[in-house]
N, C-alpha and C. Protein backbone atom coordinates (compact mmCIF):
# COMPACT_ATOMS: atom_id res chain seq x y z
N MET A 1 86.77 97.33 106.34
CA MET A 1 85.71 98.28 106.63
C MET A 1 86.08 99.10 107.86
N ALA A 2 85.71 100.39 107.82
CA ALA A 2 85.82 101.25 109.00
C ALA A 2 84.42 101.76 109.33
N VAL A 3 84.13 101.91 110.62
CA VAL A 3 82.77 102.23 111.06
C VAL A 3 82.79 103.35 112.09
N VAL A 4 81.84 104.29 111.95
CA VAL A 4 81.54 105.26 112.99
C VAL A 4 80.13 104.92 113.49
N ASP A 5 80.03 104.43 114.71
CA ASP A 5 78.75 103.97 115.27
C ASP A 5 78.23 105.01 116.25
N ARG A 6 77.09 105.61 115.93
CA ARG A 6 76.48 106.63 116.79
C ARG A 6 75.22 106.12 117.48
N GLY A 7 74.97 104.85 117.40
CA GLY A 7 73.79 104.28 118.01
C GLY A 7 72.63 104.21 117.04
N ASP A 8 71.96 105.36 116.82
CA ASP A 8 70.82 105.36 115.90
C ASP A 8 71.21 105.68 114.47
N THR A 9 72.47 106.06 114.26
CA THR A 9 73.01 106.25 112.91
C THR A 9 74.42 105.69 112.86
N ALA A 10 74.91 105.44 111.67
CA ALA A 10 76.28 104.95 111.50
C ALA A 10 76.81 105.35 110.14
N THR A 11 78.13 105.46 110.06
CA THR A 11 78.82 105.71 108.80
C THR A 11 79.77 104.54 108.55
N LEU A 12 79.65 103.94 107.37
CA LEU A 12 80.48 102.80 106.99
C LEU A 12 81.38 103.19 105.84
N PHE A 13 82.63 102.76 105.90
CA PHE A 13 83.56 102.93 104.79
C PHE A 13 83.93 101.53 104.29
N ILE A 14 83.78 101.31 103.00
CA ILE A 14 83.96 99.98 102.41
C ILE A 14 84.88 100.09 101.20
N SER A 15 85.90 99.24 101.14
CA SER A 15 86.76 99.19 99.95
C SER A 15 86.06 98.39 98.86
N MET A 16 86.09 98.91 97.64
CA MET A 16 85.36 98.33 96.51
C MET A 16 86.34 98.06 95.38
N ALA A 17 86.27 96.87 94.79
CA ALA A 17 87.16 96.53 93.68
C ALA A 17 86.44 95.63 92.69
N GLY A 18 87.00 95.52 91.50
CA GLY A 18 86.44 94.66 90.47
C GLY A 18 85.96 95.40 89.24
N PHE A 19 85.99 96.73 89.30
CA PHE A 19 85.48 97.52 88.19
C PHE A 19 86.39 97.41 86.96
N GLY A 20 85.83 96.91 85.85
CA GLY A 20 86.57 96.86 84.60
C GLY A 20 87.65 95.81 84.52
N LEU A 21 87.71 94.91 85.50
CA LEU A 21 88.75 93.88 85.48
C LEU A 21 88.45 92.82 84.43
N ARG A 22 89.51 92.38 83.77
CA ARG A 22 89.39 91.27 82.84
C ARG A 22 89.87 89.98 83.51
N SER A 23 89.83 88.90 82.77
CA SER A 23 90.21 87.60 83.29
C SER A 23 91.64 87.61 83.84
N PRO A 24 91.93 86.81 84.88
CA PRO A 24 93.31 86.69 85.35
C PRO A 24 94.23 86.06 84.31
N ASP A 25 93.66 85.55 83.23
CA ASP A 25 94.48 85.02 82.14
C ASP A 25 95.05 86.12 81.25
N VAL A 26 94.55 87.36 81.42
CA VAL A 26 95.09 88.49 80.65
C VAL A 26 96.34 88.97 81.38
N ILE A 27 97.49 88.65 80.84
CA ILE A 27 98.76 88.88 81.52
C ILE A 27 99.44 90.14 81.00
N ASP A 28 99.96 90.94 81.95
CA ASP A 28 100.77 92.09 81.61
C ASP A 28 102.17 91.59 81.26
N LYS A 29 102.60 91.79 80.03
CA LYS A 29 103.89 91.26 79.58
C LYS A 29 105.06 91.86 80.37
N ALA A 30 104.89 93.08 80.88
CA ALA A 30 105.98 93.73 81.60
C ALA A 30 106.22 93.12 82.97
N THR A 31 105.15 92.58 83.61
CA THR A 31 105.28 92.05 84.96
C THR A 31 105.14 90.54 85.04
N GLY A 32 104.48 89.94 84.05
CA GLY A 32 104.22 88.51 84.10
C GLY A 32 103.04 88.14 84.97
N PHE A 33 102.32 89.14 85.49
CA PHE A 33 101.14 88.92 86.32
C PHE A 33 99.91 89.46 85.61
N PRO A 34 98.70 89.11 86.09
CA PRO A 34 97.50 89.72 85.51
C PRO A 34 97.59 91.24 85.58
N GLU A 35 96.96 91.90 84.61
CA GLU A 35 97.08 93.35 84.51
C GLU A 35 96.47 94.05 85.72
N VAL A 36 97.09 95.16 86.10
CA VAL A 36 96.62 96.01 87.20
C VAL A 36 95.88 97.20 86.62
N ILE A 37 94.68 97.45 87.13
CA ILE A 37 93.87 98.59 86.71
C ILE A 37 93.59 99.46 87.93
N HIS A 38 93.80 100.76 87.81
CA HIS A 38 93.61 101.67 88.95
C HIS A 38 92.19 102.24 88.93
N LYS A 39 91.22 101.36 89.28
CA LYS A 39 89.82 101.77 89.31
C LYS A 39 89.11 101.40 90.61
N ALA A 40 89.82 100.85 91.57
CA ALA A 40 89.19 100.49 92.84
C ALA A 40 88.83 101.76 93.62
N THR A 41 87.80 101.66 94.46
CA THR A 41 87.29 102.83 95.16
C THR A 41 87.11 102.55 96.66
N VAL A 42 86.82 103.62 97.40
CA VAL A 42 86.35 103.52 98.78
C VAL A 42 85.00 104.22 98.84
N LEU A 43 84.00 103.48 99.32
CA LEU A 43 82.62 103.97 99.35
C LEU A 43 82.21 104.28 100.79
N ARG A 44 81.57 105.44 100.98
CA ARG A 44 81.01 105.79 102.30
C ARG A 44 79.50 105.63 102.28
N LEU A 45 78.97 104.90 103.23
CA LEU A 45 77.53 104.72 103.38
C LEU A 45 77.08 105.35 104.69
N ASN A 46 76.08 106.22 104.65
CA ASN A 46 75.44 106.74 105.85
C ASN A 46 74.11 106.02 106.04
N ILE A 47 73.90 105.46 107.22
CA ILE A 47 72.67 104.71 107.45
C ILE A 47 71.99 105.16 108.74
N LYS A 48 70.67 105.02 108.77
CA LYS A 48 69.89 105.18 109.99
C LYS A 48 69.56 103.80 110.53
N ILE A 49 69.46 103.70 111.86
CA ILE A 49 69.18 102.42 112.49
C ILE A 49 67.95 102.59 113.38
N PRO A 50 66.75 102.47 112.80
CA PRO A 50 65.53 102.61 113.60
C PRO A 50 65.43 101.51 114.65
N ASP A 51 64.86 101.84 115.80
CA ASP A 51 64.72 100.87 116.88
C ASP A 51 63.85 99.70 116.43
N GLY A 52 64.42 98.50 116.48
CA GLY A 52 63.68 97.30 116.16
C GLY A 52 63.40 97.08 114.69
N LYS A 53 64.06 97.86 113.83
CA LYS A 53 63.83 97.74 112.39
C LYS A 53 65.17 97.61 111.66
N PRO A 54 65.15 97.14 110.41
CA PRO A 54 66.39 97.04 109.64
C PRO A 54 67.00 98.42 109.37
N PRO A 55 68.32 98.51 109.22
CA PRO A 55 68.96 99.77 108.87
C PRO A 55 68.43 100.32 107.54
N VAL A 56 68.47 101.64 107.42
CA VAL A 56 68.00 102.32 106.20
C VAL A 56 69.16 103.12 105.62
N LEU A 57 69.45 102.91 104.33
CA LEU A 57 70.50 103.67 103.67
C LEU A 57 70.04 105.10 103.43
N VAL A 58 70.82 106.07 103.91
CA VAL A 58 70.49 107.48 103.73
C VAL A 58 71.15 108.03 102.48
N ASP A 59 72.45 107.80 102.34
CA ASP A 59 73.16 108.25 101.15
C ASP A 59 74.46 107.48 101.01
N GLN A 60 75.06 107.59 99.84
CA GLN A 60 76.35 106.94 99.59
C GLN A 60 77.21 107.86 98.74
N THR A 61 78.51 107.87 99.05
CA THR A 61 79.46 108.75 98.38
C THR A 61 80.77 108.02 98.16
N VAL A 62 81.32 108.11 96.97
CA VAL A 62 82.67 107.61 96.72
C VAL A 62 83.65 108.65 97.24
N VAL A 63 84.38 108.31 98.30
CA VAL A 63 85.30 109.26 98.91
C VAL A 63 86.74 109.04 98.45
N GLY A 64 86.99 107.91 97.77
CA GLY A 64 88.32 107.65 97.24
C GLY A 64 88.23 106.80 95.99
N ASP A 65 89.12 107.04 95.03
CA ASP A 65 89.13 106.24 93.81
C ASP A 65 90.52 106.25 93.19
N GLY A 66 90.73 105.36 92.23
CA GLY A 66 92.02 105.27 91.55
C GLY A 66 92.99 104.30 92.20
N PHE A 67 92.49 103.47 93.11
CA PHE A 67 93.37 102.49 93.76
C PHE A 67 93.60 101.28 92.85
N ALA A 68 94.72 100.61 93.07
CA ALA A 68 95.10 99.47 92.24
C ALA A 68 94.21 98.26 92.53
N GLN A 69 93.89 97.51 91.46
CA GLN A 69 93.14 96.26 91.59
C GLN A 69 93.63 95.30 90.52
N ARG A 70 93.50 93.99 90.82
CA ARG A 70 93.98 92.98 89.89
C ARG A 70 93.18 91.70 90.09
N ALA A 71 92.79 91.06 88.99
CA ALA A 71 92.16 89.75 89.08
C ALA A 71 93.19 88.73 89.55
N ASP A 72 92.72 87.72 90.31
CA ASP A 72 93.64 86.74 90.87
C ASP A 72 92.92 85.40 91.02
N ARG A 73 93.53 84.34 90.53
CA ARG A 73 92.88 83.03 90.58
C ARG A 73 92.71 82.52 92.01
N ASP A 74 93.67 82.77 92.87
CA ASP A 74 93.61 82.25 94.23
C ASP A 74 92.70 83.07 95.14
N ASN A 75 92.69 84.40 94.94
CA ASN A 75 91.96 85.29 95.83
C ASN A 75 90.76 85.98 95.18
N PHE A 76 90.42 85.57 93.96
CA PHE A 76 89.36 86.18 93.16
C PHE A 76 89.81 87.53 92.63
N LEU A 77 90.05 88.49 93.55
CA LEU A 77 90.61 89.76 93.11
C LEU A 77 91.41 90.36 94.25
N LEU A 78 92.31 91.29 93.89
CA LEU A 78 93.14 92.01 94.84
C LEU A 78 92.87 93.49 94.69
N GLY A 79 92.85 94.20 95.80
CA GLY A 79 92.59 95.64 95.77
C GLY A 79 92.84 96.25 97.12
N PRO A 80 92.43 97.51 97.34
CA PRO A 80 92.62 98.15 98.64
C PRO A 80 91.89 97.36 99.71
N THR A 81 92.50 97.24 100.88
CA THR A 81 91.95 96.34 101.90
C THR A 81 91.72 97.04 103.24
N GLY A 82 92.79 97.43 103.91
CA GLY A 82 92.66 98.00 105.24
C GLY A 82 92.13 99.43 105.22
N LEU A 83 91.14 99.70 106.07
CA LEU A 83 90.59 101.04 106.23
C LEU A 83 90.58 101.36 107.72
N SER A 84 91.06 102.56 108.08
CA SER A 84 91.08 102.96 109.48
C SER A 84 90.86 104.46 109.56
N LEU A 85 89.93 104.88 110.44
CA LEU A 85 89.56 106.29 110.55
C LEU A 85 90.22 106.91 111.77
N GLY A 86 90.93 108.03 111.55
CA GLY A 86 91.55 108.75 112.65
C GLY A 86 90.56 109.69 113.32
N PRO A 87 90.90 110.23 114.49
CA PRO A 87 89.99 111.12 115.23
C PRO A 87 89.71 112.44 114.52
N ASP A 88 90.55 112.82 113.56
CA ASP A 88 90.32 114.04 112.79
C ASP A 88 89.56 113.75 111.50
N ASN A 89 88.96 112.55 111.41
CA ASN A 89 88.17 112.12 110.25
C ASN A 89 89.00 111.87 109.00
N THR A 90 90.30 111.66 109.17
CA THR A 90 91.14 111.21 108.07
C THR A 90 91.02 109.70 107.94
N LEU A 91 90.75 109.23 106.73
CA LEU A 91 90.62 107.80 106.47
C LEU A 91 91.92 107.28 105.87
N TYR A 92 92.51 106.30 106.52
CA TYR A 92 93.75 105.69 106.04
C TYR A 92 93.42 104.41 105.27
N VAL A 93 94.11 104.21 104.15
CA VAL A 93 93.81 103.11 103.23
C VAL A 93 95.09 102.35 102.91
N THR A 94 95.05 101.01 103.00
CA THR A 94 96.19 100.21 102.53
C THR A 94 95.92 99.74 101.10
N ASP A 95 96.93 99.86 100.27
CA ASP A 95 96.87 99.42 98.87
C ASP A 95 98.03 98.46 98.66
N GLY A 96 97.75 97.15 98.76
CA GLY A 96 98.81 96.16 98.70
C GLY A 96 99.52 96.09 97.36
N LEU A 97 98.78 96.24 96.28
CA LEU A 97 99.40 96.14 94.95
C LEU A 97 100.44 97.23 94.74
N ASP A 98 100.17 98.44 95.22
CA ASP A 98 101.14 99.52 95.09
C ASP A 98 102.02 99.64 96.33
N ASN A 99 101.77 98.79 97.35
CA ASN A 99 102.57 98.73 98.57
C ASN A 99 102.64 100.09 99.27
N VAL A 100 101.47 100.71 99.45
CA VAL A 100 101.41 102.04 100.04
C VAL A 100 100.30 102.12 101.08
N ILE A 101 100.40 103.14 101.93
CA ILE A 101 99.31 103.58 102.79
C ILE A 101 99.06 105.03 102.45
N THR A 102 97.79 105.38 102.21
CA THR A 102 97.44 106.75 101.87
C THR A 102 96.39 107.27 102.84
N ALA A 103 96.15 108.59 102.80
CA ALA A 103 95.22 109.24 103.72
C ALA A 103 94.26 110.12 102.95
N ILE A 104 92.96 109.92 103.20
CA ILE A 104 91.92 110.75 102.58
C ILE A 104 91.36 111.67 103.65
N PRO A 105 91.56 112.99 103.52
CA PRO A 105 91.09 113.91 104.57
C PRO A 105 89.58 114.10 104.55
N ASP A 106 89.03 114.49 105.71
CA ASP A 106 87.62 114.85 105.83
C ASP A 106 86.71 113.76 105.27
N ALA A 107 87.05 112.51 105.56
CA ALA A 107 86.33 111.39 104.93
C ALA A 107 84.88 111.29 105.38
N VAL A 108 84.56 111.75 106.58
CA VAL A 108 83.20 111.63 107.10
C VAL A 108 82.24 112.61 106.44
N ASP A 109 82.74 113.80 106.08
CA ASP A 109 81.86 114.86 105.58
C ASP A 109 82.06 115.24 104.12
N ARG A 110 83.13 114.79 103.48
CA ARG A 110 83.41 115.25 102.13
C ARG A 110 82.31 114.79 101.17
N THR A 111 82.08 115.61 100.14
CA THR A 111 81.01 115.33 99.17
C THR A 111 81.56 114.87 97.83
N THR A 112 82.88 114.86 97.67
CA THR A 112 83.51 114.41 96.43
C THR A 112 84.65 113.45 96.76
N SER A 113 85.13 112.75 95.75
CA SER A 113 86.23 111.82 95.94
C SER A 113 87.53 112.56 96.20
N GLY A 114 88.33 112.01 97.10
CA GLY A 114 89.66 112.54 97.34
C GLY A 114 90.72 111.79 96.56
N GLY A 115 90.30 111.06 95.52
CA GLY A 115 91.26 110.27 94.75
C GLY A 115 91.89 109.20 95.63
N THR A 116 93.17 108.97 95.46
CA THR A 116 93.87 108.01 96.31
C THR A 116 94.36 108.65 97.60
N GLY A 117 94.14 109.96 97.74
CA GLY A 117 94.55 110.65 98.95
C GLY A 117 96.03 111.01 98.95
N LYS A 118 96.49 111.41 100.11
CA LYS A 118 97.89 111.81 100.30
C LYS A 118 98.72 110.60 100.71
N LEU A 119 99.90 110.47 100.13
CA LEU A 119 100.80 109.37 100.49
C LEU A 119 101.25 109.52 101.94
N VAL A 120 101.06 108.46 102.71
CA VAL A 120 101.56 108.42 104.09
C VAL A 120 102.92 107.74 104.12
N THR A 121 103.01 106.54 103.55
CA THR A 121 104.28 105.82 103.51
C THR A 121 104.21 104.74 102.43
N LYS A 122 105.39 104.35 101.95
CA LYS A 122 105.48 103.40 100.83
C LYS A 122 106.70 102.51 101.02
N ASP A 123 106.56 101.23 100.63
CA ASP A 123 107.68 100.28 100.62
C ASP A 123 108.33 100.18 102.01
N GLY A 124 109.64 100.16 102.08
CA GLY A 124 110.31 100.02 103.37
C GLY A 124 109.95 98.70 104.04
N LEU A 125 109.40 98.77 105.24
CA LEU A 125 109.02 97.58 106.00
C LEU A 125 107.71 96.98 105.51
N LEU A 126 106.97 97.73 104.71
CA LEU A 126 105.70 97.24 104.20
C LEU A 126 105.94 96.14 103.17
N SER A 127 105.11 95.10 103.25
CA SER A 127 105.17 94.02 102.28
C SER A 127 103.75 93.54 102.02
N TRP A 128 103.07 94.25 101.12
CA TRP A 128 101.66 94.02 100.80
C TRP A 128 100.79 94.31 102.04
N PRO A 129 100.69 95.57 102.46
CA PRO A 129 99.90 95.90 103.65
C PRO A 129 98.43 95.55 103.46
N LEU A 130 97.85 94.91 104.48
CA LEU A 130 96.45 94.49 104.42
C LEU A 130 95.66 95.15 105.55
N ALA A 131 95.34 94.40 106.59
CA ALA A 131 94.53 94.93 107.69
C ALA A 131 95.30 96.01 108.45
N MET A 132 94.54 96.95 109.03
CA MET A 132 95.17 98.10 109.69
C MET A 132 94.24 98.61 110.78
N VAL A 133 94.83 99.12 111.86
CA VAL A 133 94.04 99.69 112.95
C VAL A 133 94.75 100.94 113.48
N TYR A 134 93.95 101.92 113.93
CA TYR A 134 94.46 103.17 114.49
C TYR A 134 94.52 103.02 116.01
N THR A 135 95.67 103.33 116.62
CA THR A 135 95.87 103.11 118.05
C THR A 135 95.59 104.38 118.85
N PRO A 136 95.40 104.24 120.19
CA PRO A 136 95.22 105.42 121.04
C PRO A 136 96.41 106.38 120.99
N ALA A 137 97.58 105.88 120.64
CA ALA A 137 98.77 106.72 120.55
C ALA A 137 98.83 107.50 119.24
N GLY A 138 97.86 107.28 118.36
CA GLY A 138 97.84 108.00 117.09
C GLY A 138 98.68 107.36 116.01
N HIS A 139 99.02 106.09 116.19
CA HIS A 139 99.81 105.37 115.19
C HIS A 139 98.93 104.33 114.49
N LEU A 140 99.45 103.79 113.40
CA LEU A 140 98.78 102.73 112.66
C LEU A 140 99.53 101.42 112.85
N LEU A 141 98.80 100.35 113.13
CA LEU A 141 99.38 99.00 113.14
C LEU A 141 98.89 98.30 111.89
N VAL A 142 99.82 97.78 111.10
CA VAL A 142 99.49 97.25 109.78
C VAL A 142 100.03 95.83 109.64
N CYS A 143 99.16 94.90 109.23
CA CYS A 143 99.57 93.52 108.96
C CYS A 143 100.09 93.40 107.53
N ASN A 144 101.26 92.80 107.38
CA ASN A 144 101.79 92.52 106.05
C ASN A 144 101.17 91.25 105.49
N GLY A 145 100.89 91.27 104.20
CA GLY A 145 100.34 90.09 103.54
C GLY A 145 101.39 89.13 103.03
N LYS A 146 102.61 89.62 102.80
CA LYS A 146 103.64 88.77 102.20
C LYS A 146 104.72 88.33 103.17
N ASP A 147 104.57 88.68 104.44
CA ASP A 147 105.39 88.08 105.48
C ASP A 147 104.60 88.18 106.78
N GLY A 148 105.12 87.63 107.87
CA GLY A 148 104.38 87.60 109.11
C GLY A 148 104.64 88.77 110.03
N GLN A 149 104.94 89.94 109.46
CA GLN A 149 105.30 91.08 110.28
C GLN A 149 104.15 92.07 110.45
N LEU A 150 104.13 92.70 111.62
CA LEU A 150 103.25 93.82 111.93
C LEU A 150 104.10 95.08 111.91
N VAL A 151 103.66 96.10 111.19
CA VAL A 151 104.43 97.33 111.04
C VAL A 151 103.70 98.47 111.75
N GLU A 152 104.43 99.23 112.57
CA GLU A 152 103.85 100.41 113.22
C GLU A 152 104.28 101.65 112.45
N VAL A 153 103.30 102.50 112.13
CA VAL A 153 103.54 103.70 111.32
C VAL A 153 103.02 104.92 112.07
N ASP A 154 103.81 105.98 112.09
CA ASP A 154 103.36 107.28 112.59
C ASP A 154 102.83 108.07 111.40
N PRO A 155 101.50 108.18 111.24
CA PRO A 155 100.96 108.83 110.04
C PRO A 155 101.23 110.33 110.00
N ALA A 156 101.47 110.94 111.15
CA ALA A 156 101.72 112.39 111.17
C ALA A 156 102.98 112.74 110.40
N GLY A 157 104.01 111.91 110.54
CA GLY A 157 105.25 112.17 109.83
C GLY A 157 105.54 111.19 108.73
N GLY A 158 104.66 110.21 108.54
CA GLY A 158 104.87 109.20 107.51
C GLY A 158 106.02 108.27 107.82
N LYS A 159 106.37 108.14 109.10
CA LYS A 159 107.53 107.34 109.48
C LYS A 159 107.13 105.92 109.85
N GLN A 160 107.84 104.95 109.29
CA GLN A 160 107.69 103.56 109.71
C GLN A 160 108.58 103.35 110.93
N ILE A 161 107.96 103.12 112.09
CA ILE A 161 108.71 103.10 113.34
C ILE A 161 109.46 101.79 113.53
N TYR A 162 108.74 100.67 113.38
CA TYR A 162 109.40 99.37 113.52
C TYR A 162 108.48 98.29 112.98
N SER A 163 109.02 97.08 112.86
CA SER A 163 108.19 95.93 112.52
C SER A 163 108.46 94.82 113.52
N GLN A 164 107.45 93.98 113.73
CA GLN A 164 107.55 92.88 114.68
C GLN A 164 107.04 91.61 114.02
N TRP A 165 107.80 90.53 114.16
CA TRP A 165 107.33 89.24 113.64
C TRP A 165 106.26 88.70 114.59
N ILE A 166 105.02 88.68 114.15
CA ILE A 166 103.96 88.09 114.96
C ILE A 166 103.56 86.72 114.42
N ASP A 167 104.06 86.37 113.26
CA ASP A 167 103.87 85.02 112.70
C ASP A 167 105.16 84.64 111.98
N SER A 168 105.95 83.81 112.62
CA SER A 168 107.24 83.40 112.04
C SER A 168 107.20 81.97 111.54
N ASP A 169 106.03 81.53 111.10
CA ASP A 169 105.83 80.16 110.61
C ASP A 169 106.76 79.87 109.43
N GLN A 170 107.68 78.93 109.63
CA GLN A 170 108.67 78.61 108.60
C GLN A 170 108.10 77.77 107.46
N ALA A 171 106.82 77.41 107.56
CA ALA A 171 106.20 76.64 106.47
C ALA A 171 106.04 77.49 105.22
N GLN A 172 106.08 78.82 105.39
CA GLN A 172 105.97 79.73 104.25
C GLN A 172 107.31 80.42 104.02
N SER A 173 107.47 80.97 102.83
CA SER A 173 108.67 81.72 102.51
C SER A 173 108.28 83.04 101.83
N PRO A 174 108.65 84.19 102.47
CA PRO A 174 109.26 84.30 103.80
C PRO A 174 108.30 83.84 104.89
N PRO A 175 108.78 83.67 106.12
CA PRO A 175 107.92 83.18 107.20
C PRO A 175 106.63 83.99 107.32
N GLY A 176 105.51 83.28 107.48
CA GLY A 176 104.23 83.96 107.66
C GLY A 176 103.61 84.50 106.40
N ASN A 177 104.21 84.23 105.25
CA ASN A 177 103.68 84.74 103.98
C ASN A 177 102.25 84.27 103.76
N GLY A 178 101.32 85.20 103.62
CA GLY A 178 99.93 84.87 103.35
C GLY A 178 99.11 84.50 104.57
N ASP A 179 99.70 84.60 105.78
CA ASP A 179 99.01 84.16 106.99
C ASP A 179 98.16 85.25 107.65
N LEU A 180 98.68 86.48 107.68
CA LEU A 180 98.04 87.54 108.48
C LEU A 180 96.91 88.21 107.71
N PHE A 181 95.88 88.59 108.45
CA PHE A 181 94.80 89.35 107.80
C PHE A 181 94.18 90.34 108.77
N GLY A 182 93.10 89.98 109.46
CA GLY A 182 92.38 90.95 110.28
C GLY A 182 93.16 91.40 111.50
N ILE A 183 92.85 92.62 111.98
CA ILE A 183 93.46 93.13 113.20
C ILE A 183 92.47 94.06 113.90
N ALA A 184 92.44 94.00 115.24
CA ALA A 184 91.58 94.87 116.03
C ALA A 184 92.25 95.09 117.38
N LEU A 185 92.02 96.26 117.98
CA LEU A 185 92.56 96.54 119.30
C LEU A 185 91.78 95.79 120.38
N THR A 186 92.46 95.46 121.47
CA THR A 186 91.78 94.95 122.65
C THR A 186 90.96 96.08 123.26
N PRO A 187 89.94 95.76 124.07
CA PRO A 187 89.09 96.81 124.64
C PRO A 187 89.84 97.88 125.41
N ASP A 188 90.95 97.51 126.08
CA ASP A 188 91.71 98.50 126.84
C ASP A 188 92.72 99.25 125.99
N GLY A 189 92.83 98.90 124.70
CA GLY A 189 93.74 99.59 123.80
C GLY A 189 95.20 99.28 124.03
N GLN A 190 95.51 98.32 124.90
CA GLN A 190 96.89 98.01 125.23
C GLN A 190 97.47 96.86 124.41
N GLY A 191 96.63 96.18 123.67
CA GLY A 191 97.08 95.06 122.85
C GLY A 191 96.24 94.98 121.59
N PHE A 192 96.39 93.88 120.89
CA PHE A 192 95.64 93.74 119.64
C PHE A 192 95.35 92.26 119.39
N TYR A 193 94.31 92.03 118.63
CA TYR A 193 93.97 90.70 118.14
C TYR A 193 94.26 90.65 116.64
N TYR A 194 94.71 89.51 116.17
CA TYR A 194 94.91 89.35 114.73
C TYR A 194 94.54 87.93 114.32
N VAL A 195 94.37 87.73 113.03
CA VAL A 195 93.95 86.43 112.50
C VAL A 195 95.11 85.78 111.76
N GLU A 196 95.34 84.50 112.06
CA GLU A 196 96.28 83.68 111.29
C GLU A 196 95.45 82.79 110.37
N ASP A 197 95.42 83.15 109.10
CA ASP A 197 94.56 82.43 108.15
C ASP A 197 94.93 80.96 108.01
N ASP A 198 96.22 80.66 108.06
CA ASP A 198 96.64 79.28 107.82
C ASP A 198 96.15 78.33 108.92
N MET A 199 95.98 78.87 110.14
CA MET A 199 95.52 78.05 111.26
C MET A 199 94.07 78.33 111.65
N ASN A 200 93.44 79.29 110.92
CA ASN A 200 92.06 79.68 111.22
C ASN A 200 91.92 80.05 112.70
N THR A 201 92.86 80.91 113.17
CA THR A 201 93.00 81.18 114.59
C THR A 201 93.02 82.68 114.87
N LEU A 202 92.33 83.08 115.95
CA LEU A 202 92.40 84.45 116.46
C LEU A 202 93.44 84.48 117.57
N VAL A 203 94.41 85.40 117.45
CA VAL A 203 95.54 85.45 118.37
C VAL A 203 95.61 86.83 119.01
N ARG A 204 96.00 86.88 120.28
CA ARG A 204 96.23 88.16 120.94
C ARG A 204 97.71 88.50 120.90
N GLY A 205 98.02 89.75 120.53
CA GLY A 205 99.39 90.22 120.52
C GLY A 205 99.54 91.45 121.39
N GLY A 206 100.75 91.96 121.51
CA GLY A 206 100.99 93.15 122.33
C GLY A 206 101.09 92.78 123.79
N LYS A 207 100.71 93.73 124.67
CA LYS A 207 100.85 93.54 126.11
C LYS A 207 99.86 92.50 126.62
């Protein structure tokens, strides 16, 4: 989820998956895995927050669609995960199944879907990108789902700058496989927090 908090109003961006999925027992013969359907979406919710009262939904808009999704016995379902909003209102989306990061322009104000958006980067150092955060330097920090690496991406040029092993647990192959998930910046923007699922632990990284 990505959030714009204005105090008495807020805008929420939520990744949505599960539309039209069949049982994980329905196997794609070409891949040997459950079939992938490109029907996952990103939903924008605008809400009002009255003083002392529950939030009120003002409107909702699908700002992105056509992302990959797949039924999965271990995780229930797989689909777009990381959402991060840049200062120019571009929404960045991680799609682990297609191993890509894309960008949807004008996400705060647009009235129609931007599809899957513009390709920012694909493959390379990415290995099932999941959680993602936008840094004060204008870069994206992305947690890999299939290894313990954090990848820094310059979205302006689509360049993968480097990767860092933040979870090198040898109990998995490759190290850290399936461990990393959430990520958030520290209040001063100089470091980051991330979650190690296998240890149920919040860890500080960076400076």
